[in-house]
Amino acid sequence: MEKHIDHKECWNELSTWISKSITYLKEIEKEQKLDDDSKLRLRQKELNYQNTLQKMRELENIFHSLKE
């Protein structure tokens, strides 16, 4: 028997995970004494996560507009 996958729930969990990761990266940057290279890498990861989250929102809007 095939297990049903709740895509909306997966999507929401992924979105939540990315948001929490962004927050975590910001906390690391504030709490730890990092050299400039480490700060830059951390910031790049944060920006990548933010861009991913933005793309997810854009896709979600497209899906919603297609349903209408």
PDB file of N, CA and C in Angstrom:
ATOM      1  N   MET A   1       0.842  -1.180   0.000  1.00  0.00           N
ATOM      2  CA  MET A   1       0.000   0.000   0.000  1.00  0.00           C
ATOM      3  C   MET A   1       0.890   1.246   0.000  1.00  0.00           C
ATOM      4  N   GLU A   2       0.545   2.176  -0.842  1.00  0.00           N
ATOM      5  CA  GLU A   2       1.331   3.384  -0.970  1.00  0.00           C
ATOM      6  C   GLU A   2       0.958   4.389   0.114  1.00  0.00           C
ATOM      7  N   LYS A   3       1.975   4.975   0.701  1.00  0.00           N
ATOM      8  CA  LYS A   3       1.740   5.951   1.765  1.00  0.00           C
ATOM      9  C   LYS A   3       1.473   7.322   1.141  1.00  0.00           C
ATOM     10  N   HIS A   4       0.449   7.982   1.637  1.00  0.00           N
ATOM     11  CA  HIS A   4       0.103   9.315   1.149  1.00  0.00           C
ATOM     12  C   HIS A   4       1.085  10.348   1.708  1.00  0.00           C
ATOM     13  N   ILE A   5       1.556  11.214   0.857  1.00  0.00           N
ATOM     14  CA  ILE A   5       2.465  12.281   1.276  1.00  0.00           C
ATOM     15  C   ILE A   5       1.693  13.587   1.263  1.00  0.00           C
ATOM     16  N   ASP A   6       1.701  14.245   2.387  1.00  0.00           N
ATOM     17  CA  ASP A   6       1.043  15.544   2.490  1.00  0.00           C
ATOM     18  C   ASP A   6       2.043  16.614   2.053  1.00  0.00           C
ATOM     19  N   HIS A   7       1.932  17.020   0.791  1.00  0.00           N
ATOM     20  CA  HIS A   7       2.888  17.966   0.240  1.00  0.00           C
ATOM     21  C   HIS A   7       2.849  19.314   0.948  1.00  0.00           C
ATOM     22  N   LYS A   8       1.673  19.726   1.321  1.00  0.00           N
ATOM     23  CA  LYS A   8       1.554  21.013   2.010  1.00  0.00           C
ATOM     24  C   LYS A   8       2.286  20.979   3.354  1.00  0.00           C
ATOM     25  N   GLU A   9       2.134  19.883   4.064  1.00  0.00           N
ATOM     26  CA  GLU A   9       2.822  19.746   5.353  1.00  0.00           C
ATOM     27  C   GLU A   9       4.340  19.720   5.153  1.00  0.00           C
ATOM     28  N   CYS A  10       4.800  19.002   4.142  1.00  0.00           N
ATOM     29  CA  CYS A  10       6.236  18.959   3.841  1.00  0.00           C
ATOM     30  C   CYS A  10       6.755  20.352   3.493  1.00  0.00           C
ATOM     31  N   TRP A  11       5.988  21.043   2.673  1.00  0.00           N
ATOM     32  CA  TRP A  11       6.347  22.399   2.262  1.00  0.00           C
ATOM     33  C   TRP A  11       6.456  23.309   3.483  1.00  0.00           C
ATOM     34  N   ASN A  12       5.480  23.224   4.368  1.00  0.00           N
ATOM     35  CA  ASN A  12       5.482  24.058   5.572  1.00  0.00           C
ATOM     36  C   ASN A  12       6.651  23.712   6.492  1.00  0.00           C
ATOM     37  N   GLU A  13       6.946  22.438   6.620  1.00  0.00           N
ATOM     38  CA  GLU A  13       8.071  22.031   7.466  1.00  0.00           C
ATOM     39  C   GLU A  13       9.394  22.511   6.887  1.00  0.00           C
ATOM     40  N   LEU A  14       9.536  22.419   5.586  1.00  0.00           N
ATOM     41  CA  LEU A  14      10.752  22.904   4.939  1.00  0.00           C
ATOM     42  C   LEU A  14      10.893  24.409   5.135  1.00  0.00           C
ATOM     43  N   SER A  15       9.820  25.125   4.947  1.00  0.00           N
ATOM     44  CA  SER A  15       9.824  26.572   5.143  1.00  0.00           C
ATOM     45  C   SER A  15      10.203  26.934   6.582  1.00  0.00           C
ATOM     46  N   THR A  16       9.646  26.214   7.532  1.00  0.00           N
ATOM     47  CA  THR A  16       9.956  26.446   8.943  1.00  0.00           C
ATOM     48  C   THR A  16      11.423  26.151   9.225  1.00  0.00           C
ATOM     49  N   TRP A  17      11.923  25.060   8.679  1.00  0.00           N
ATOM     50  CA  TRP A  17      13.317  24.685   8.891  1.00  0.00           C
ATOM     51  C   TRP A  17      14.256  25.754   8.336  1.00  0.00           C
ATOM     52  N   ILE A  18      13.967  26.253   7.144  1.00  0.00           N
ATOM     53  CA  ILE A  18      14.808  27.285   6.539  1.00  0.00           C
ATOM     54  C   ILE A  18      14.767  28.560   7.380  1.00  0.00           C
ATOM     55  N   SER A  19      13.601  28.952   7.839  1.00  0.00           N
ATOM     56  CA  SER A  19      13.472  30.150   8.677  1.00  0.00           C
ATOM     57  C   SER A  19      14.260  30.002   9.976  1.00  0.00           C
ATOM     58  N   LYS A  20      14.157  28.838  10.596  1.00  0.00           N
ATOM     59  CA  LYS A  20      14.909  28.597  11.830  1.00  0.00           C
ATOM     60  C   LYS A  20      16.411  28.604  11.568  1.00  0.00           C
ATOM     61  N   SER A  21      16.815  28.092  10.432  1.00  0.00           N
ATOM     62  CA  SER A  21      18.234  28.079  10.077  1.00  0.00           C
ATOM     63  C   SER A  21      18.767  29.494   9.894  1.00  0.00           C
ATOM     64  N   ILE A  22      17.973  30.344   9.272  1.00  0.00           N
ATOM     65  CA  ILE A  22      18.367  31.746   9.099  1.00  0.00           C
ATOM     66  C   ILE A  22      18.559  32.397  10.462  1.00  0.00           C
ATOM     67  N   THR A  23      17.617  32.180  11.361  1.00  0.00           N
ATOM     68  CA  THR A  23      17.709  32.728  12.715  1.00  0.00           C
ATOM     69  C   THR A  23      18.947  32.195  13.426  1.00  0.00           C
ATOM     70  N   TYR A  24      19.191  30.905  13.293  1.00  0.00           N
ATOM     71  CA  TYR A  24      20.352  30.277  13.930  1.00  0.00           C
ATOM     72  C   TYR A  24      21.657  30.884  13.406  1.00  0.00           C
ATOM     73  N   LEU A  25      21.760  31.082  12.097  1.00  0.00           N
ATOM     74  CA  LEU A  25      22.966  31.671  11.521  1.00  0.00           C
ATOM     75  C   LEU A  25      23.191  33.089  12.037  1.00  0.00           C
ATOM     76  N   LYS A  26      22.119  33.841  12.186  1.00  0.00           N
ATOM     77  CA  LYS A  26      22.239  35.199  12.725  1.00  0.00           C
ATOM     78  C   LYS A  26      22.731  35.170  14.167  1.00  0.00           C
ATOM     79  N   GLU A  27      22.234  34.209  14.945  1.00  0.00           N
ATOM     80  CA  GLU A  27      22.663  34.078  16.340  1.00  0.00           C
ATOM     81  C   GLU A  27      24.137  33.705  16.427  1.00  0.00           C
ATOM     82  N   ILE A  28      24.569  32.800  15.582  1.00  0.00           N
ATOM     83  CA  ILE A  28      25.985  32.409  15.571  1.00  0.00           C
ATOM     84  C   ILE A  28      26.853  33.626  15.289  1.00  0.00           C
ATOM     85  N   GLU A  29      26.444  34.405  14.308  1.00  0.00           N
ATOM     86  CA  GLU A  29      27.224  35.582  13.930  1.00  0.00           C
ATOM     87  C   GLU A  29      27.346  36.558  15.100  1.00  0.00           C
ATOM     88  N   LYS A  30      26.278  36.720  15.865  1.00  0.00           N
ATOM     89  CA  LYS A  30      26.290  37.648  16.995  1.00  0.00           C
ATOM     90  C   LYS A  30      27.086  37.112  18.182  1.00  0.00           C
ATOM     91  N   GLU A  31      26.940  35.817  18.466  1.00  0.00           N
ATOM     92  CA  GLU A  31      27.487  35.244  19.691  1.00  0.00           C
ATOM     93  C   GLU A  31      28.953  34.842  19.584  1.00  0.00           C
ATOM     94  N   GLN A  32      29.399  34.497  18.408  1.00  0.00           N
ATOM     95  CA  GLN A  32      30.767  33.997  18.274  1.00  0.00           C
ATOM     96  C   GLN A  32      31.674  35.053  17.672  1.00  0.00           C
ATOM     97  N   LYS A  33      32.908  34.985  18.088  1.00  0.00           N
ATOM     98  CA  LYS A  33      33.911  35.894  17.528  1.00  0.00           C
ATOM     99  C   LYS A  33      34.507  35.218  16.299  1.00  0.00           C
ATOM    100  N   LEU A  34      34.056  35.657  15.160  1.00  0.00           N
ATOM    101  CA  LEU A  34      34.474  35.035  13.907  1.00  0.00           C
ATOM    102  C   LEU A  34      35.401  35.957  13.136  1.00  0.00           C
ATOM    103  N   ASP A  35      36.301  35.350  12.382  1.00  0.00           N
ATOM    104  CA  ASP A  35      37.136  36.170  11.508  1.00  0.00           C
ATOM    105  C   ASP A  35      36.296  36.601  10.303  1.00  0.00           C
ATOM    106  N   ASP A  36      36.847  37.484   9.519  1.00  0.00           N
ATOM    107  CA  ASP A  36      36.085  38.052   8.397  1.00  0.00           C
ATOM    108  C   ASP A  36      35.645  36.997   7.383  1.00  0.00           C
ATOM    109  N   ASP A  37      36.521  36.039   7.103  1.00  0.00           N
ATOM    110  CA  ASP A  37      36.160  34.985   6.143  1.00  0.00           C
ATOM    111  C   ASP A  37      34.996  34.143   6.657  1.00  0.00           C
ATOM    112  N   SER A  38      35.044  33.811   7.929  1.00  0.00           N
ATOM    113  CA  SER A  38      33.954  33.017   8.517  1.00  0.00           C
ATOM    114  C   SER A  38      32.651  33.799   8.519  1.00  0.00           C
ATOM    115  N   LYS A  39      32.734  35.074   8.817  1.00  0.00           N
ATOM    116  CA  LYS A  39      31.535  35.919   8.788  1.00  0.00           C
ATOM    117  C   LYS A  39      30.953  35.963   7.384  1.00  0.00           C
ATOM    118  N   LEU A  40      31.827  36.094   6.415  1.00  0.00           N
ATOM    119  CA  LEU A  40      31.378  36.159   5.024  1.00  0.00           C
ATOM    120  C   LEU A  40      30.696  34.851   4.607  1.00  0.00           C
ATOM    121  N   ARG A  41      31.298  33.720   4.943  1.00  0.00           N
ATOM    122  CA  ARG A  41      30.691  32.425   4.604  1.00  0.00           C
ATOM    123  C   ARG A  41      29.340  32.253   5.293  1.00  0.00           C
ATOM    124  N   LEU A  42      29.285  32.659   6.535  1.00  0.00           N
ATOM    125  CA  LEU A  42      28.036  32.569   7.287  1.00  0.00           C
ATOM    126  C   LEU A  42      26.962  33.449   6.651  1.00  0.00           C
ATOM    127  N   ARG A  43      27.348  34.646   6.285  1.00  0.00           N
ATOM    128  CA  ARG A  43      26.412  35.582   5.648  1.00  0.00           C
ATOM    129  C   ARG A  43      25.935  35.044   4.296  1.00  0.00           C
ATOM    130  N   GLN A  44      26.832  34.423   3.556  1.00  0.00           N
ATOM    131  CA  GLN A  44      26.453  33.850   2.261  1.00  0.00           C
ATOM    132  C   GLN A  44      25.447  32.713   2.437  1.00  0.00           C
ATOM    133  N   LYS A  45      25.656  31.887   3.448  1.00  0.00           N
ATOM    134  CA  LYS A  45      24.687  30.819   3.732  1.00  0.00           C
ATOM    135  C   LYS A  45      23.332  31.414   4.079  1.00  0.00           C
ATOM    136  N   GLU A  46      23.369  32.434   4.906  1.00  0.00           N
ATOM    137  CA  GLU A  46      22.118  33.089   5.307  1.00  0.00           C
ATOM    138  C   GLU A  46      21.391  33.647   4.087  1.00  0.00           C
ATOM    139  N   LEU A  47      22.121  34.313   3.221  1.00  0.00           N
ATOM    140  CA  LEU A  47      21.510  34.872   2.008  1.00  0.00           C
ATOM    141  C   LEU A  47      20.967  33.767   1.098  1.00  0.00           C
ATOM    142  N   ASN A  48      21.683  32.672   0.997  1.00  0.00           N
ATOM    143  CA  ASN A  48      21.193  31.544   0.192  1.00  0.00           C
ATOM    144  C   ASN A  48      19.884  31.006   0.751  1.00  0.00           C
ATOM    145  N   TYR A  49      19.809  30.863   2.064  1.00  0.00           N
ATOM    146  CA  TYR A  49      18.566  30.399   2.688  1.00  0.00           C
ATOM    147  C   TYR A  49      17.437  31.401   2.463  1.00  0.00           C
ATOM    148  N   GLN A  50      17.746  32.684   2.592  1.00  0.00           N
ATOM    149  CA  GLN A  50      16.714  33.703   2.370  1.00  0.00           C
ATOM    150  C   GLN A  50      16.224  33.667   0.923  1.00  0.00           C
ATOM    151  N   ASN A  51      17.140  33.503  -0.001  1.00  0.00           N
ATOM    152  CA  ASN A  51      16.753  33.416  -1.413  1.00  0.00           C
ATOM    153  C   ASN A  51      15.898  32.177  -1.682  1.00  0.00           C
ATOM    154  N   THR A  52      16.267  31.074  -1.062  1.00  0.00           N
ATOM    155  CA  THR A  52      15.481  29.847  -1.211  1.00  0.00           C
ATOM    156  C   THR A  52      14.069  30.042  -0.674  1.00  0.00           C
ATOM    157  N   LEU A  53      13.978  30.656   0.481  1.00  0.00           N
ATOM    158  CA  LEU A  53      12.669  30.919   1.079  1.00  0.00           C
ATOM    159  C   LEU A  53      11.837  31.836   0.183  1.00  0.00           C
ATOM    160  N   GLN A  54      12.466  32.840  -0.388  1.00  0.00           N
ATOM    161  CA  GLN A  54      11.766  33.750  -1.289  1.00  0.00           C
ATOM    162  C   GLN A  54      11.265  33.008  -2.533  1.00  0.00           C
ATOM    163  N   LYS A  55      12.105  32.142  -3.088  1.00  0.00           N
ATOM    164  CA  LYS A  55      11.693  31.355  -4.260  1.00  0.00           C
ATOM    165  C   LYS A  55      10.530  30.433  -3.913  1.00  0.00           C
ATOM    166  N   MET A  56      10.573  29.863  -2.722  1.00  0.00           N
ATOM    167  CA  MET A  56       9.466  29.008  -2.286  1.00  0.00           C
ATOM    168  C   MET A  56       8.170  29.804  -2.208  1.00  0.00           C
ATOM    169  N   ARG A  57       8.240  31.000  -1.695  1.00  0.00           N
ATOM    170  CA  ARG A  57       7.042  31.856  -1.610  1.00  0.00           C
ATOM    171  C   ARG A  57       6.524  32.193  -3.001  1.00  0.00           C
ATOM    172  N   GLU A  58       7.446  32.484  -3.914  1.00  0.00           N
ATOM    173  CA  GLU A  58       7.044  32.785  -5.287  1.00  0.00           C
ATOM    174  C   GLU A  58       6.351  31.576  -5.927  1.00  0.00           C
ATOM    175  N   LEU A  59       6.920  30.403  -5.726  1.00  0.00           N
ATOM    176  CA  LEU A  59       6.301  29.186  -6.259  1.00  0.00           C
ATOM    177  C   LEU A  59       4.931  28.940  -5.641  1.00  0.00           C
ATOM    178  N   GLU A  60       4.842  29.169  -4.365  1.00  0.00           N
ATOM    179  CA  GLU A  60       3.566  28.985  -3.678  1.00  0.00           C
ATOM    180  C   GLU A  60       2.504  29.919  -4.253  1.00  0.00           C
ATOM    181  N   ASN A  61       2.883  31.157  -4.529  1.00  0.00           N
ATOM    182  CA  ASN A  61       1.949  32.113  -5.133  1.00  0.00           C
ATOM    183  C   ASN A  61       1.521  31.661  -6.528  1.00  0.00           C
ATOM    184  N   ILE A  62       2.457  31.117  -7.275  1.00  0.00           N
ATOM    185  CA  ILE A  62       2.125  30.618  -8.615  1.00  0.00           C
ATOM    186  C   ILE A  62       1.133  29.465  -8.514  1.00  0.00           C
ATOM    187  N   PHE A  63       1.390  28.523  -7.598  1.00  0.00           N
ATOM    188  CA  PHE A  63       0.487  27.386  -7.426  1.00  0.00           C
ATOM    189  C   PHE A  63      -0.907  27.843  -7.025  1.00  0.00           C
ATOM    190  N   HIS A  64      -0.967  28.817  -6.125  1.00  0.00           N
ATOM    191  CA  HIS A  64      -2.274  29.321  -5.687  1.00  0.00           C
ATOM    192  C   HIS A  64      -3.007  30.018  -6.826  1.00  0.00           C
ATOM    193  N   SER A  65      -2.278  30.753  -7.642  1.00  0.00           N
ATOM    194  CA  SER A  65      -2.927  31.446  -8.757  1.00  0.00           C
ATOM    195  C   SER A  65      -3.424  30.448  -9.808  1.00  0.00           C
ATOM    196  N   LEU A  66      -2.737  29.320  -9.962  1.00  0.00           N
ATOM    197  CA  LEU A  66      -3.175  28.300 -10.912  1.00  0.00           C
ATOM    198  C   LEU A  66      -4.443  27.597 -10.449  1.00  0.00           C
ATOM    199  N   LYS A  67      -4.618  27.494  -9.155  1.00  0.00           N
ATOM    200  CA  LYS A  67      -5.804  26.838  -8.597  1.00  0.00           C
ATOM    201  C   LYS A  67      -7.058  27.683  -8.772  1.00  0.00           C
ATOM    202  N   GLU A  68      -6.873  28.978  -8.884  1.00  0.00           N
ATOM    203  CA  GLU A  68      -8.030  29.889  -8.959  1.00  0.00           C
ATOM    204  C   GLU A  68      -8.671  29.910 -10.306  1.00  0.00           C
TER     205      GLU A  68
END
